[in-house]
């Protein structure tokens, strides 16, 4: 049996997803701070990969699929994050 998250838990999941989008978008806009803080391009790529993986995992959940919220920002961040990792 799969546990269905409560409405409050679903809101928390979407909030964490929003944080991932914010991080991915900020790094893509200007990765200098992330590079300085992490020390290497490979670490920044790992950070973006963890966040794109998080978004993909959450979007694959039934509760996310069934939610009526617009998911464009999440799918756009996944695409942008994967492009960053592939091209930097």
C-alpha atoms as a PDB file:
ATOM      1  CA  UNK A   1       0.000   0.000   0.000  1.00  0.00           C
ATOM      2  CA  UNK A   2       1.321   3.427  -0.958  1.00  0.00           C
ATOM      3  CA  UNK A   3       0.958   6.204   1.582  1.00  0.00           C
ATOM      4  CA  UNK A   4      -0.619   9.302   0.130  1.00  0.00           C
ATOM      5  CA  UNK A   5       0.874  12.494   1.543  1.00  0.00           C
ATOM      6  CA  UNK A   6      -1.414  14.909   3.352  1.00  0.00           C
ATOM      7  CA  UNK A   7      -2.225  18.241   1.687  1.00  0.00           C
ATOM      8  CA  UNK A   8       0.298  19.905   4.021  1.00  0.00           C
ATOM      9  CA  UNK A   9       3.000  17.410   3.022  1.00  0.00           C
ATOM     10  CA  UNK A  10       2.233  17.965  -0.650  1.00  0.00           C
ATOM     11  CA  UNK A  11       2.610  21.712  -0.127  1.00  0.00           C
ATOM     12  CA  UNK A  12       5.983  21.056   1.552  1.00  0.00           C
ATOM     13  CA  UNK A  13       7.068  18.885  -1.377  1.00  0.00           C
ATOM     14  CA  UNK A  14       6.178  21.626  -3.853  1.00  0.00           C
ATOM     15  CA  UNK A  15       7.992  24.185  -1.710  1.00  0.00           C
ATOM     16  CA  UNK A  16      11.147  22.028  -1.815  1.00  0.00           C
ATOM     17  CA  UNK A  17      10.703  21.688  -5.566  1.00  0.00           C
ATOM     18  CA  UNK A  18      10.443  25.475  -5.840  1.00  0.00           C
ATOM     19  CA  UNK A  19      13.743  25.710  -3.933  1.00  0.00           C
ATOM     20  CA  UNK A  20      15.347  23.376  -6.480  1.00  0.00           C
ATOM     21  CA  UNK A  21      14.059  25.511  -9.345  1.00  0.00           C
ATOM     22  CA  UNK A  22      15.391  28.663  -7.674  1.00  0.00           C
ATOM     23  CA  UNK A  23      18.821  27.108  -7.171  1.00  0.00           C
ATOM     24  CA  UNK A  24      19.059  25.763 -10.722  1.00  0.00           C
ATOM     25  CA  UNK A  25      17.896  29.059 -12.230  1.00  0.00           C
ATOM     26  CA  UNK A  26      20.320  31.087 -10.095  1.00  0.00           C
ATOM     27  CA  UNK A  27      23.308  28.930 -11.036  1.00  0.00           C
ATOM     28  CA  UNK A  28      22.454  29.056 -14.715  1.00  0.00           C
ATOM     29  CA  UNK A  29      22.030  32.842 -14.597  1.00  0.00           C
ATOM     30  CA  UNK A  30      25.421  33.297 -12.897  1.00  0.00           C
ATOM     31  CA  UNK A  31      27.424  30.324 -11.712  1.00  0.00           C
ATOM     32  CA  UNK A  32      30.358  32.331 -10.312  1.00  0.00           C
ATOM     33  CA  UNK A  33      29.145  32.184  -6.693  1.00  0.00           C
ATOM     34  CA  UNK A  34      28.358  28.474  -6.899  1.00  0.00           C
ATOM     35  CA  UNK A  35      31.772  27.815  -8.420  1.00  0.00           C
ATOM     36  CA  UNK A  36      33.473  29.852  -5.710  1.00  0.00           C
ATOM     37  CA  UNK A  37      31.550  28.128  -2.902  1.00  0.00           C
ATOM     38  CA  UNK A  38      31.886  24.593  -4.224  1.00  0.00           C
ATOM     39  CA  UNK A  39      35.399  24.809  -5.565  1.00  0.00           C
ATOM     40  CA  UNK A  40      34.893  23.088  -8.898  1.00  0.00           C
ATOM     41  CA  UNK A  41      32.710  22.765 -11.948  1.00  0.00           C
ATOM     42  CA  UNK A  42      32.173  19.077 -11.200  1.00  0.00           C
ATOM     43  CA  UNK A  43      30.743  19.923  -7.752  1.00  0.00           C
ATOM     44  CA  UNK A  44      28.367  22.484  -9.271  1.00  0.00           C
ATOM     45  CA  UNK A  45      27.268  19.900 -11.844  1.00  0.00           C
ATOM     46  CA  UNK A  46      26.621  17.390  -9.039  1.00  0.00           C
ATOM     47  CA  UNK A  47      24.550  19.976  -7.185  1.00  0.00           C
ATOM     48  CA  UNK A  48      22.466  20.667 -10.283  1.00  0.00           C
ATOM     49  CA  UNK A  49      22.105  16.950 -10.976  1.00  0.00           C
ATOM     50  CA  UNK A  50      20.868  16.298  -7.425  1.00  0.00           C
ATOM     51  CA  UNK A  51      18.265  19.016  -7.875  1.00  0.00           C
ATOM     52  CA  UNK A  52      17.126  17.902 -11.339  1.00  0.00           C
ATOM     53  CA  UNK A  53      16.911  14.322 -10.035  1.00  0.00           C
ATOM     54  CA  UNK A  54      14.829  15.573  -7.103  1.00  0.00           C
ATOM     55  CA  UNK A  55      12.436  17.358  -9.447  1.00  0.00           C
ATOM     56  CA  UNK A  56      12.099  14.333 -11.725  1.00  0.00           C
ATOM     57  CA  UNK A  57      11.466  12.014  -8.783  1.00  0.00           C
ATOM     58  CA  UNK A  58       8.822  14.269  -7.296  1.00  0.00           C
ATOM     59  CA  UNK A  59       7.074  14.834 -10.620  1.00  0.00           C
ATOM     60  CA  UNK A  60       6.849  11.068 -11.117  1.00  0.00           C
ATOM     61  CA  UNK A  61       4.793  10.661  -7.937  1.00  0.00           C
ATOM     62  CA  UNK A  62       1.038  10.187  -8.269  1.00  0.00           C
ATOM     63  CA  UNK A  63       0.315  13.054  -5.870  1.00  0.00           C
ATOM     64  CA  UNK A  64       2.316  15.411  -8.105  1.00  0.00           C
ATOM     65  CA  UNK A  65       0.713  14.137 -11.303  1.00  0.00           C
ATOM     66  CA  UNK A  66      -2.742  14.520  -9.771  1.00  0.00           C
ATOM     67  CA  UNK A  67      -2.095  18.047  -8.499  1.00  0.00           C
ATOM     68  CA  UNK A  68      -3.512  20.835 -10.651  1.00  0.00           C
ATOM     69  CA  UNK A  69      -0.543  23.193 -10.210  1.00  0.00           C
ATOM     70  CA  UNK A  70       1.322  24.328 -13.286  1.00  0.00           C
ATOM     71  CA  UNK A  71       4.478  22.221 -13.532  1.00  0.00           C
ATOM     72  CA  UNK A  72       6.169  24.205 -16.296  1.00  0.00           C
ATOM     73  CA  UNK A  73       8.753  25.794 -14.008  1.00  0.00           C
ATOM     74  CA  UNK A  74       9.826  22.329 -12.837  1.00  0.00           C
ATOM     75  CA  UNK A  75      10.123  20.805 -16.286  1.00  0.00           C
ATOM     76  CA  UNK A  76      11.906  23.918 -17.570  1.00  0.00           C
ATOM     77  CA  UNK A  77      14.400  23.742 -14.686  1.00  0.00           C
ATOM     78  CA  UNK A  78      15.041  20.058 -15.390  1.00  0.00           C
ATOM     79  CA  UNK A  79      15.770  20.813 -19.037  1.00  0.00           C
ATOM     80  CA  UNK A  80      17.947  23.829 -18.235  1.00  0.00           C
ATOM     81  CA  UNK A  81      19.817  21.964 -15.503  1.00  0.00           C
ATOM     82  CA  UNK A  82      20.560  18.999 -17.741  1.00  0.00           C
ATOM     83  CA  UNK A  83      21.746  21.346 -20.499  1.00  0.00           C
ATOM     84  CA  UNK A  84      24.072  23.093 -18.034  1.00  0.00           C
ATOM     85  CA  UNK A  85      25.550  19.777 -16.895  1.00  0.00           C
ATOM     86  CA  UNK A  86      26.011  18.578 -20.473  1.00  0.00           C
ATOM     87  CA  UNK A  87      27.606  21.788 -21.753  1.00  0.00           C
ATOM     88  CA  UNK A  88      29.852  23.026 -18.933  1.00  0.00           C
END
